[in-house]
Protein backbone atom coordinates (compact mmCIF):
# COMPACT_ATOMS: atom_id res chain seq x y z
CA GLN A 1 32.07 9.11 -36.44
CA VAL A 2 32.21 9.88 -33.18
CA GLN A 3 30.33 8.59 -30.46
CA LEU A 4 30.09 10.58 -27.26
CA VAL A 5 28.67 9.10 -23.85
CA GLU A 6 28.25 11.25 -20.71
CA SER A 7 28.18 10.71 -17.01
CA GLY A 8 28.43 12.36 -13.64
CA GLY A 9 24.81 14.45 -13.45
CA GLY A 10 22.59 14.61 -10.62
CA LEU A 11 21.58 17.03 -7.98
CA VAL A 12 23.76 18.66 -5.77
CA GLN A 13 23.21 21.76 -3.42
CA ALA A 14 24.26 25.36 -3.86
CA GLY A 15 28.16 25.80 -3.46
CA GLY A 16 28.42 22.29 -4.35
CA SER A 17 30.36 20.20 -6.80
CA LEU A 18 30.17 17.53 -9.01
CA ARG A 19 32.33 16.07 -12.27
CA LEU A 20 30.85 15.17 -15.70
CA SER A 21 32.50 13.00 -18.01
CA CYS A 22 32.40 12.53 -21.40
CA ALA A 23 33.75 9.22 -23.04
CA GLY A 24 34.12 9.27 -26.77
CA SER A 25 34.89 6.58 -29.21
CA GLY A 26 35.39 6.25 -33.31
CA ARG A 27 38.57 8.48 -34.36
CA THR A 28 41.51 10.05 -33.20
CA PHE A 29 40.61 12.77 -30.41
CA SER A 30 43.55 14.58 -31.72
CA ASP A 31 41.84 16.15 -34.55
CA LEU A 32 38.86 17.27 -32.46
CA THR A 33 37.78 20.02 -30.66
CA MET A 34 35.67 19.19 -27.59
CA GLY A 35 32.98 21.22 -26.10
CA TRP A 36 30.32 21.29 -23.09
CA PHE A 37 27.44 23.06 -23.52
CA ARG A 38 23.62 23.17 -21.59
CA GLN A 39 20.71 23.89 -21.98
CA PRO A 40 18.69 25.39 -18.88
CA PRO A 41 14.87 24.72 -18.49
CA GLY A 42 12.77 27.09 -20.87
CA LYS A 43 16.14 28.94 -22.65
CA GLU A 44 18.11 28.37 -25.58
CA ARG A 45 21.36 26.20 -25.49
CA GLU A 46 24.86 27.65 -24.41
CA PHE A 47 27.94 27.31 -24.36
CA VAL A 48 29.99 26.55 -21.68
CA ALA A 49 33.50 25.31 -22.24
CA ALA A 50 35.64 23.62 -24.93
CA ILE A 51 39.37 21.92 -25.23
CA ILE A 52 41.12 22.13 -28.58
CA TRP A 53 42.17 18.19 -27.95
CA PHE A 54 45.46 18.45 -29.76
CA ARG A 55 46.84 21.49 -28.11
CA GLY A 56 44.82 21.67 -24.73
CA VAL A 57 43.92 24.60 -24.88
CA THR A 58 40.28 25.86 -22.96
CA TYR A 59 37.58 28.20 -23.01
CA TYR A 60 35.13 29.10 -21.17
CA ALA A 61 31.96 31.09 -20.83
CA ASP A 62 32.46 33.99 -18.28
CA SER A 63 29.28 32.53 -16.22
CA VAL A 64 31.38 29.76 -15.32
CA LYS A 65 35.04 31.14 -15.35
CA GLY A 66 36.74 30.37 -12.05
CA ARG A 67 34.18 27.86 -11.47
CA PHE A 68 34.08 25.15 -13.86
CA THR A 69 37.44 23.50 -15.18
CA ILE A 70 37.35 21.47 -18.21
CA SER A 71 39.85 18.79 -19.26
CA ARG A 72 41.31 15.74 -20.42
CA ASP A 73 42.58 12.35 -20.71
CA ASN A 74 44.15 10.95 -23.49
CA ALA A 75 44.70 7.89 -23.16
CA LYS A 76 40.41 7.00 -22.28
CA ASN A 77 39.59 9.84 -25.16
CA THR A 78 37.19 11.39 -21.81
CA VAL A 79 36.94 14.70 -21.27
CA TYR A 80 35.58 16.37 -18.11
CA LEU A 81 33.74 18.94 -16.94
CA GLN A 82 34.68 20.09 -13.07
CA MET A 83 31.90 22.14 -11.68
CA ASN A 84 32.73 23.47 -8.46
CA SER A 85 30.62 26.58 -6.56
CA LEU A 86 27.68 25.47 -8.23
CA GLU A 87 24.81 27.77 -8.06
CA PRO A 88 20.43 27.46 -9.39
CA ASP A 89 21.54 29.13 -12.13
CA ASP A 90 23.51 25.89 -13.23
CA THR A 91 20.75 23.76 -13.32
CA ALA A 92 20.68 22.37 -17.30
CA VAL A 93 21.00 19.64 -19.25
CA TYR A 94 24.66 19.36 -19.73
CA SER A 95 26.07 17.81 -23.38
CA CYS A 96 29.42 17.28 -24.81
CA ALA A 97 30.24 17.68 -28.29
CA ALA A 98 32.60 17.40 -30.50
CA ARG A 99 33.82 19.02 -33.64
CA ARG A 100 36.34 18.85 -36.56
CA SER A 101 38.60 21.50 -35.98
CA ARG A 102 42.11 21.87 -33.95
CA GLY A 103 41.12 25.86 -34.35
CA GLY A 104 39.63 27.74 -31.85
CA LEU A 105 36.99 30.07 -34.59
CA ARG A 106 33.53 29.81 -33.35
CA ILE A 107 34.46 27.30 -30.99
CA THR A 108 31.29 28.99 -29.05
CA ASN A 109 28.88 28.21 -31.76
CA ALA A 110 27.06 25.26 -31.10
CA ASP A 111 26.37 24.24 -34.72
CA GLU A 112 30.23 24.23 -35.25
CA TYR A 113 29.98 20.63 -33.56
CA SER A 114 28.79 18.04 -35.38
CA TYR A 115 28.77 15.21 -32.59
CA TRP A 116 26.91 14.91 -29.65
CA GLY A 117 25.72 13.34 -26.92
CA GLN A 118 22.64 12.06 -25.37
CA GLY A 119 23.02 15.41 -22.12
CA THR A 120 23.11 14.37 -18.23
CA GLN A 121 20.84 16.54 -16.17
CA VAL A 122 22.45 19.14 -13.48
CA THR A 123 19.76 20.34 -10.68
CA VAL A 124 21.63 22.52 -7.98
CA SER A 125 18.87 23.59 -5.08
CA SER A 126 19.40 26.20 -3.23
């Protein structure tokens, strides 16, 4: 089992920044891929970013490339999502997730992730 707890959401003006954290516990993280997903109001959940823990390889949705950065802290079993140049369209509930894989196949597919945090609200005002 993996337990995930997100923090760091909030209200920010367009152009601002936020950093989300996802603290994990329960198993060896070197076997996992960690992802961030978001669900905008009235829309489907969508992939944001992912990192293969063992290799540190990262993946991003086109909509956030160049603005968001995913990273991990091995000592703290924590993954971060640094969000810069935020836009109103970034408003969503952001959730971190984990899957048992060291590969990139279907990494953007939420159904591939077995463990989820509770989510944190990010609101970007115009």
